[in-house]
Amino acid sequence: MEEEYGNLIMDNSAAIILGGDGNDTKYFRDEILKADKIIACDKGADYLYDLEVKPDVLIGDMDSINKNVYNYFVKNNVSLKVYNSIKDQTDDYIAFRCAFQDYNCSVLNVYAFEGGRMDHFISILMNAEQSISKGKRINFRGKNCTIYSFMNNMELNTKRGEIISIFTFSEAITGGCDGLFYNISNRKFKHCESIGISNKAIKNKVYISIQKGKLTLFHYKK
């Protein structure tokens, strides 16, 4: 499935499984196994257990993981990063930092991020955009939609008519753009501005470069 989106599996990549709706994870089992590091966040370990996939590290306060799953992975020498439930940082933020800083990963593919509370979902996207730096990217992988947080050039494999929506949680200025119905070349995106919603692919590839800042892009596939 990664070929539909292009370059999702790269050297020094990490798969991060969150604790949202895990129904889609079965579609990505082979993709997850290709990652250099597999990181489970709390309940995300339950989904990996069902897929018979062993994570490299388990992160969180362990308040939602199945206890039998927790004990199984502990017995099988999975590394643990256990945190007090009363903390300022969310599990996903800690996982992003762990992948980038501890494991020096360049690309993070995140699964089971949907289906929970809406405020958690927004927080996850903000944490992703805050966590990326030059040369790094976070992709949120869903069956029908992939979300990208990036600050470098982006090239997507698309089908004509697919919806592409673009936001920033900070501020960004694009450079070149090709393949979108609404041209966003040299466009300034303001904090949480909705001007970038519901653009469409008009070619089989979409290209966007960034002069400054970070963008979050939603790609809804047919």
C-alpha atoms as a PDB file:
ATOM      1  CA  MET A   1       0.000   0.000   0.000  1.00  0.00           C
ATOM      2  CA  GLU A   2       2.920   2.348   0.538  1.00  0.00           C
ATOM      3  CA  GLU A   3       3.486   2.712  -3.218  1.00  0.00           C
ATOM      4  CA  GLU A   4       0.176   4.537  -3.585  1.00  0.00           C
ATOM      5  CA  TYR A   5       1.555   7.377  -1.482  1.00  0.00           C
ATOM      6  CA  GLY A   6       5.207   7.157  -2.385  1.00  0.00           C
ATOM      7  CA  ASN A   7       8.301   6.807  -0.187  1.00  0.00           C
ATOM      8  CA  LEU A   8       6.481   5.998   3.037  1.00  0.00           C
ATOM      9  CA  ILE A   9       8.928   3.262   3.952  1.00  0.00           C
ATOM     10  CA  MET A  10      12.447   4.689   4.026  1.00  0.00           C
ATOM     11  CA  ASP A  11      15.728   4.083   5.815  1.00  0.00           C
ATOM     12  CA  ASN A  12      15.536   4.845   9.528  1.00  0.00           C
ATOM     13  CA  SER A  13      11.742   4.667   9.656  1.00  0.00           C
ATOM     14  CA  ALA A  14       9.566   3.971  12.670  1.00  0.00           C
ATOM     15  CA  ALA A  15       6.052   2.573  12.942  1.00  0.00           C
ATOM     16  CA  ILE A  16       4.111   4.050  15.855  1.00  0.00           C
ATOM     17  CA  ILE A  17       0.857   2.387  16.888  1.00  0.00           C
ATOM     18  CA  LEU A  18      -1.424   4.581  18.990  1.00  0.00           C
ATOM     19  CA  GLY A  19      -4.491   3.585  21.009  1.00  0.00           C
ATOM     20  CA  GLY A  20      -7.263   4.803  18.717  1.00  0.00           C
ATOM     21  CA  ASP A  21      -9.398   2.651  16.448  1.00  0.00           C
ATOM     22  CA  GLY A  22      -7.212  -0.292  15.527  1.00  0.00           C
ATOM     23  CA  ASN A  23      -9.439  -1.827  12.841  1.00  0.00           C
ATOM     24  CA  ASP A  24      -7.266  -0.498  10.013  1.00  0.00           C
ATOM     25  CA  THR A  25      -3.999  -1.859  11.397  1.00  0.00           C
ATOM     26  CA  LYS A  26      -4.579  -5.256   9.779  1.00  0.00           C
ATOM     27  CA  TYR A  27      -4.286  -3.596   6.362  1.00  0.00           C
ATOM     28  CA  PHE A  28      -0.833  -2.301   7.271  1.00  0.00           C
ATOM     29  CA  ARG A  29       0.737  -5.337   8.947  1.00  0.00           C
ATOM     30  CA  ASP A  30       3.344  -5.887   6.211  1.00  0.00           C
ATOM     31  CA  GLU A  31       4.104  -2.168   6.146  1.00  0.00           C
ATOM     32  CA  ILE A  32       4.595  -2.071   9.917  1.00  0.00           C
ATOM     33  CA  LEU A  33       6.998  -5.004   9.764  1.00  0.00           C
ATOM     34  CA  LYS A  34       9.212  -3.118   7.283  1.00  0.00           C
ATOM     35  CA  ALA A  35       9.914  -0.340   9.791  1.00  0.00           C
ATOM     36  CA  ASP A  36      13.328  -0.161  11.446  1.00  0.00           C
ATOM     37  CA  LYS A  37      11.674   0.468  14.816  1.00  0.00           C
ATOM     38  CA  ILE A  38       8.177  -0.458  15.996  1.00  0.00           C
ATOM     39  CA  ILE A  39       6.818   1.629  18.870  1.00  0.00           C
ATOM     40  CA  ALA A  40       3.568   0.821  20.669  1.00  0.00           C
ATOM     41  CA  CYS A  41       1.764   3.434  22.735  1.00  0.00           C
ATOM     42  CA  ASP A  42      -0.183   1.814  25.554  1.00  0.00           C
ATOM     43  CA  LYS A  43      -3.309   0.219  24.000  1.00  0.00           C
ATOM     44  CA  GLY A  44      -1.545   0.166  20.637  1.00  0.00           C
ATOM     45  CA  ALA A  45       0.290  -2.900  21.937  1.00  0.00           C
ATOM     46  CA  ASP A  46      -3.030  -4.770  21.959  1.00  0.00           C
ATOM     47  CA  TYR A  47      -3.348  -4.259  18.203  1.00  0.00           C
ATOM     48  CA  LEU A  48       0.200  -5.493  17.611  1.00  0.00           C
ATOM     49  CA  TYR A  49      -0.467  -8.541  19.762  1.00  0.00           C
ATOM     50  CA  ASP A  50      -3.496  -9.384  17.590  1.00  0.00           C
ATOM     51  CA  LEU A  51      -1.310  -8.984  14.481  1.00  0.00           C
ATOM     52  CA  GLU A  52       1.415 -11.179  16.027  1.00  0.00           C
ATOM     53  CA  VAL A  53       3.887  -8.321  15.737  1.00  0.00           C
ATOM     54  CA  LYS A  54       6.410  -7.627  18.496  1.00  0.00           C
ATOM     55  CA  PRO A  55       7.242  -3.949  19.178  1.00  0.00           C
ATOM     56  CA  ASP A  56      10.738  -2.758  19.966  1.00  0.00           C
ATOM     57  CA  VAL A  57       9.489  -0.492  22.731  1.00  0.00           C
ATOM     58  CA  LEU A  58       6.262   0.052  24.657  1.00  0.00           C
ATOM     59  CA  ILE A  59       5.534   3.631  25.776  1.00  0.00           C
ATOM     60  CA  GLY A  60       2.891   5.116  28.068  1.00  0.00           C
ATOM     61  CA  ASP A  61       1.352   5.100  31.498  1.00  0.00           C
ATOM     62  CA  MET A  62      -0.104   1.621  30.798  1.00  0.00           C
ATOM     63  CA  ASP A  63      -3.609   2.581  31.845  1.00  0.00           C
ATOM     64  CA  SER A  64      -5.381   1.131  28.792  1.00  0.00           C
ATOM     65  CA  ILE A  65      -3.250  -1.812  27.672  1.00  0.00           C
ATOM     66  CA  ASN A  66      -4.603  -5.301  28.294  1.00  0.00           C
ATOM     67  CA  LYS A  67      -2.690  -6.658  31.278  1.00  0.00           C
ATOM     68  CA  ASN A  68      -2.148 -10.045  29.628  1.00  0.00           C
ATOM     69  CA  VAL A  69      -0.686  -8.301  26.575  1.00  0.00           C
ATOM     70  CA  TYR A  70       1.554  -6.186  28.813  1.00  0.00           C
ATOM     71  CA  ASN A  71       2.840  -9.257  30.653  1.00  0.00           C
ATOM     72  CA  TYR A  72       3.387 -11.132  27.385  1.00  0.00           C
ATOM     73  CA  PHE A  73       5.552  -8.409  25.879  1.00  0.00           C
ATOM     74  CA  VAL A  74       7.480  -7.920  29.121  1.00  0.00           C
ATOM     75  CA  LYS A  75       8.271 -11.649  29.154  1.00  0.00           C
ATOM     76  CA  ASN A  76       9.422 -11.338  25.550  1.00  0.00           C
ATOM     77  CA  ASN A  77      11.933  -8.605  26.399  1.00  0.00           C
ATOM     78  CA  VAL A  78      10.173  -5.602  24.889  1.00  0.00           C
ATOM     79  CA  SER A  79      11.769  -2.390  26.169  1.00  0.00           C
ATOM     80  CA  LEU A  80       9.539  -0.262  28.404  1.00  0.00           C
ATOM     81  CA  LYS A  81       9.207   3.486  28.858  1.00  0.00           C
ATOM     82  CA  VAL A  82       6.624   3.799  31.608  1.00  0.00           C
ATOM     83  CA  TYR A  83       5.376   7.232  32.695  1.00  0.00           C
ATOM     84  CA  ASN A  84       3.173   8.507  35.472  1.00  0.00           C
ATOM     85  CA  SER A  85      -0.380   9.155  34.239  1.00  0.00           C
ATOM     86  CA  ILE A  86      -0.101  12.674  35.713  1.00  0.00           C
ATOM     87  CA  LYS A  87       2.235  14.196  33.124  1.00  0.00           C
ATOM     88  CA  ASP A  88       2.318  17.183  30.818  1.00  0.00           C
ATOM     89  CA  GLN A  89       3.183  15.291  27.624  1.00  0.00           C
ATOM     90  CA  THR A  90       0.914  12.851  25.812  1.00  0.00           C
ATOM     91  CA  ASP A  91       2.019   9.356  24.834  1.00  0.00           C
ATOM     92  CA  ASP A  92       2.117  10.248  21.141  1.00  0.00           C
ATOM     93  CA  TYR A  93       4.386  13.257  21.777  1.00  0.00           C
ATOM     94  CA  ILE A  94       6.758  11.076  23.796  1.00  0.00           C
ATOM     95  CA  ALA A  95       6.733   8.451  21.029  1.00  0.00           C
ATOM     96  CA  PHE A  96       7.542  11.040  18.345  1.00  0.00           C
ATOM     97  CA  ARG A  97      10.468  12.335  20.389  1.00  0.00           C
ATOM     98  CA  CYS A  98      11.664   8.810  21.120  1.00  0.00           C
ATOM     99  CA  ALA A  99      11.684   7.890  17.420  1.00  0.00           C
ATOM    100  CA  PHE A 100      13.418  11.081  16.298  1.00  0.00           C
ATOM    101  CA  GLN A 101      15.885  11.596  19.132  1.00  0.00           C
ATOM    102  CA  ASP A 102      16.577   8.155  20.624  1.00  0.00           C
ATOM    103  CA  TYR A 103      16.424   6.133  17.399  1.00  0.00           C
ATOM    104  CA  ASN A 104      17.364   8.867  14.905  1.00  0.00           C
ATOM    105  CA  CYS A 105      14.478   7.983  12.600  1.00  0.00           C
ATOM    106  CA  SER A 106      13.715  10.174   9.582  1.00  0.00           C
ATOM    107  CA  VAL A 107      10.140   9.105   8.817  1.00  0.00           C
ATOM    108  CA  LEU A 108       7.434   8.078  11.268  1.00  0.00           C
ATOM    109  CA  ASN A 109       4.362   6.178  10.088  1.00  0.00           C
ATOM    110  CA  VAL A 110       1.572   6.396  12.656  1.00  0.00           C
ATOM    111  CA  TYR A 111      -1.342   3.942  12.906  1.00  0.00           C
ATOM    112  CA  ALA A 112      -4.539   3.671  14.987  1.00  0.00           C
ATOM    113  CA  PHE A 113      -4.766   7.441  15.415  1.00  0.00           C
ATOM    114  CA  GLU A 114      -8.482   7.775  14.601  1.00  0.00           C
ATOM    115  CA  GLY A 115     -11.656   6.922  16.469  1.00  0.00           C
ATOM    116  CA  GLY A 116     -10.944   8.495  19.835  1.00  0.00           C
ATOM    117  CA  ARG A 117     -11.780  11.865  21.320  1.00  0.00           C
ATOM    118  CA  MET A 118     -11.626  14.772  18.885  1.00  0.00           C
ATOM    119  CA  ASP A 119      -9.469  16.874  21.217  1.00  0.00           C
ATOM    120  CA  HIS A 120      -6.934  14.032  21.368  1.00  0.00           C
ATOM    121  CA  PHE A 121      -6.874  13.837  17.571  1.00  0.00           C
ATOM    122  CA  ILE A 122      -6.218  17.584  17.242  1.00  0.00           C
ATOM    123  CA  SER A 123      -3.528  17.347  19.914  1.00  0.00           C
ATOM    124  CA  ILE A 124      -1.836  14.500  18.008  1.00  0.00           C
ATOM    125  CA  LEU A 125      -1.682  16.580  14.810  1.00  0.00           C
ATOM    126  CA  MET A 126      -0.314  19.602  16.663  1.00  0.00           C
ATOM    127  CA  ASN A 127       2.271  17.443  18.420  1.00  0.00           C
ATOM    128  CA  ALA A 128       3.343  15.994  15.074  1.00  0.00           C
ATOM    129  CA  GLU A 129       3.868  19.379  13.471  1.00  0.00           C
ATOM    130  CA  GLN A 130       5.737  20.585  16.541  1.00  0.00           C
ATOM    131  CA  SER A 131       7.984  17.505  16.525  1.00  0.00           C
ATOM    132  CA  ILE A 132       9.215  17.526  12.928  1.00  0.00           C
ATOM    133  CA  SER A 133      12.382  19.234  11.761  1.00  0.00           C
ATOM    134  CA  LYS A 134      14.279  19.522   8.484  1.00  0.00           C
ATOM    135  CA  GLY A 135      14.644  16.164   6.780  1.00  0.00           C
ATOM    136  CA  LYS A 136      11.981  14.494   8.949  1.00  0.00           C
ATOM    137  CA  ARG A 137       8.321  13.709   8.341  1.00  0.00           C
ATOM    138  CA  ILE A 138       5.353  12.138  10.103  1.00  0.00           C
ATOM    139  CA  ASN A 139       2.713  10.226   8.114  1.00  0.00           C
ATOM    140  CA  PHE A 140      -0.603   9.192   9.658  1.00  0.00           C
ATOM    141  CA  ARG A 141      -1.779   6.058   7.881  1.00  0.00           C
ATOM    142  CA  GLY A 142      -5.481   5.318   7.526  1.00  0.00           C
ATOM    143  CA  LYS A 143      -7.244   3.053   5.056  1.00  0.00           C
ATOM    144  CA  ASN A 144      -8.881   5.945   3.201  1.00  0.00           C
ATOM    145  CA  CYS A 145      -6.725   8.894   4.200  1.00  0.00           C
ATOM    146  CA  THR A 146      -3.078   9.636   4.883  1.00  0.00           C
ATOM    147  CA  ILE A 147      -2.103  12.782   6.776  1.00  0.00           C
ATOM    148  CA  TYR A 148       1.389  14.232   6.381  1.00  0.00           C
ATOM    149  CA  SER A 149       3.237  16.640   8.663  1.00  0.00           C
ATOM    150  CA  PHE A 150       6.276  18.005   6.832  1.00  0.00           C
ATOM    151  CA  MET A 151       8.532  21.017   6.305  1.00  0.00           C
ATOM    152  CA  ASN A 152      10.427  19.903   3.197  1.00  0.00           C
ATOM    153  CA  ASN A 153       9.443  19.268  -0.396  1.00  0.00           C
ATOM    154  CA  MET A 154       6.535  16.853  -0.783  1.00  0.00           C
ATOM    155  CA  GLU A 155       5.701  14.715  -3.820  1.00  0.00           C
ATOM    156  CA  LEU A 156       2.548  12.584  -3.707  1.00  0.00           C
ATOM    157  CA  ASN A 157       1.370   9.842  -6.019  1.00  0.00           C
ATOM    158  CA  THR A 158      -2.296  10.692  -6.599  1.00  0.00           C
ATOM    159  CA  LYS A 159      -5.318   9.968  -8.745  1.00  0.00           C
ATOM    160  CA  ARG A 160      -7.117  12.794 -10.470  1.00  0.00           C
ATOM    161  CA  GLY A 161      -9.950  14.147  -8.372  1.00  0.00           C
ATOM    162  CA  GLU A 162      -8.589  13.041  -5.004  1.00  0.00           C
ATOM    163  CA  ILE A 163      -9.055  15.599  -2.232  1.00  0.00           C
ATOM    164  CA  ILE A 164      -5.976  17.327  -0.850  1.00  0.00           C
ATOM    165  CA  SER A 165      -6.486  19.647   2.146  1.00  0.00           C
ATOM    166  CA  ILE A 166      -3.631  21.677   3.599  1.00  0.00           C
ATOM    167  CA  PHE A 167      -3.315  23.419   6.980  1.00  0.00           C
ATOM    168  CA  THR A 168      -0.703  24.711   9.365  1.00  0.00           C
ATOM    169  CA  PHE A 169      -0.776  24.859  13.145  1.00  0.00           C
ATOM    170  CA  SER A 170       1.922  27.527  13.064  1.00  0.00           C
ATOM    171  CA  GLU A 171       2.644  29.471   9.877  1.00  0.00           C
ATOM    172  CA  ALA A 172       4.098  28.489   6.513  1.00  0.00           C
ATOM    173  CA  ILE A 173       4.979  29.884   3.093  1.00  0.00           C
ATOM    174  CA  THR A 174       4.931  27.556   0.120  1.00  0.00           C
ATOM    175  CA  GLY A 175       7.349  27.652  -2.791  1.00  0.00           C
ATOM    176  CA  GLY A 176       6.466  25.803  -5.968  1.00  0.00           C
ATOM    177  CA  CYS A 177       3.302  23.780  -6.496  1.00  0.00           C
ATOM    178  CA  ASP A 178       2.153  21.495  -9.281  1.00  0.00           C
ATOM    179  CA  GLY A 179      -0.755  19.113  -9.772  1.00  0.00           C
ATOM    180  CA  LEU A 180      -3.430  20.887  -7.717  1.00  0.00           C
ATOM    181  CA  PHE A 181      -6.608  22.529  -9.042  1.00  0.00           C
ATOM    182  CA  TYR A 182      -6.027  25.579  -6.840  1.00  0.00           C
ATOM    183  CA  ASN A 183      -2.429  26.650  -7.268  1.00  0.00           C
ATOM    184  CA  ILE A 184      -0.840  27.435  -3.907  1.00  0.00           C
ATOM    185  CA  SER A 185       2.593  28.518  -5.147  1.00  0.00           C
ATOM    186  CA  ASN A 186       4.202  31.208  -2.979  1.00  0.00           C
ATOM    187  CA  ARG A 187       1.201  31.192  -0.669  1.00  0.00           C
ATOM    188  CA  LYS A 188       1.311  32.226   2.975  1.00  0.00           C
ATOM    189  CA  PHE A 189      -0.666  29.931   5.254  1.00  0.00           C
ATOM    190  CA  LYS A 190      -1.643  31.433   8.576  1.00  0.00           C
ATOM    191  CA  HIS A 191      -2.206  29.608  11.848  1.00  0.00           C
ATOM    192  CA  CYS A 192      -5.241  27.290  11.509  1.00  0.00           C
ATOM    193  CA  GLU A 193      -6.469  29.109   8.380  1.00  0.00           C
ATOM    194  CA  SER A 194      -9.047  27.098   6.387  1.00  0.00           C
ATOM    195  CA  ILE A 195      -8.137  28.440   2.937  1.00  0.00           C
ATOM    196  CA  GLY A 196      -6.369  25.192   2.006  1.00  0.00           C
ATOM    197  CA  ILE A 197      -9.327  22.860   2.488  1.00  0.00           C
ATOM    198  CA  SER A 198     -10.790  20.713  -0.338  1.00  0.00           C
ATOM    199  CA  ASN A 199      -8.195  21.253  -3.029  1.00  0.00           C
ATOM    200  CA  LYS A 200      -8.070  18.505  -5.691  1.00  0.00           C
ATOM    201  CA  ALA A 201      -5.403  16.608  -7.579  1.00  0.00           C
ATOM    202  CA  ILE A 202      -5.493  17.225 -11.338  1.00  0.00           C
ATOM    203  CA  LYS A 203      -2.458  15.067 -12.130  1.00  0.00           C
ATOM    204  CA  ASN A 204      -1.074  11.702 -11.037  1.00  0.00           C
ATOM    205  CA  LYS A 205       1.575  13.483  -9.008  1.00  0.00           C
ATOM    206  CA  VAL A 206       1.264  16.488  -6.718  1.00  0.00           C
ATOM    207  CA  TYR A 207       4.339  18.500  -5.797  1.00  0.00           C
ATOM    208  CA  ILE A 208       4.579  21.122  -3.035  1.00  0.00           C
ATOM    209  CA  SER A 209       7.678  22.841  -1.691  1.00  0.00           C
ATOM    210  CA  ILE A 210       7.951  24.946   1.451  1.00  0.00           C
ATOM    211  CA  GLN A 211       9.989  28.117   1.769  1.00  0.00           C
ATOM    212  CA  LYS A 212       9.294  28.516   5.477  1.00  0.00           C
ATOM    213  CA  GLY A 213       7.405  26.755   8.227  1.00  0.00           C
ATOM    214  CA  LYS A 214       5.525  23.452   8.468  1.00  0.00           C
ATOM    215  CA  LEU A 215       2.381  22.063   6.842  1.00  0.00           C
ATOM    216  CA  THR A 216      -0.149  19.344   7.614  1.00  0.00           C
ATOM    217  CA  LEU A 217      -1.677  17.772   4.502  1.00  0.00           C
ATOM    218  CA  PHE A 218      -4.713  15.462   4.272  1.00  0.00           C
ATOM    219  CA  HIS A 219      -4.778  13.141   1.241  1.00  0.00           C
ATOM    220  CA  TYR A 220      -8.109  11.352   0.719  1.00  0.00           C
ATOM    221  CA  LYS A 221      -7.674   8.557  -1.800  1.00  0.00           C
ATOM    222  CA  LYS A 222     -10.287   7.082  -4.116  1.00  0.00           C
END
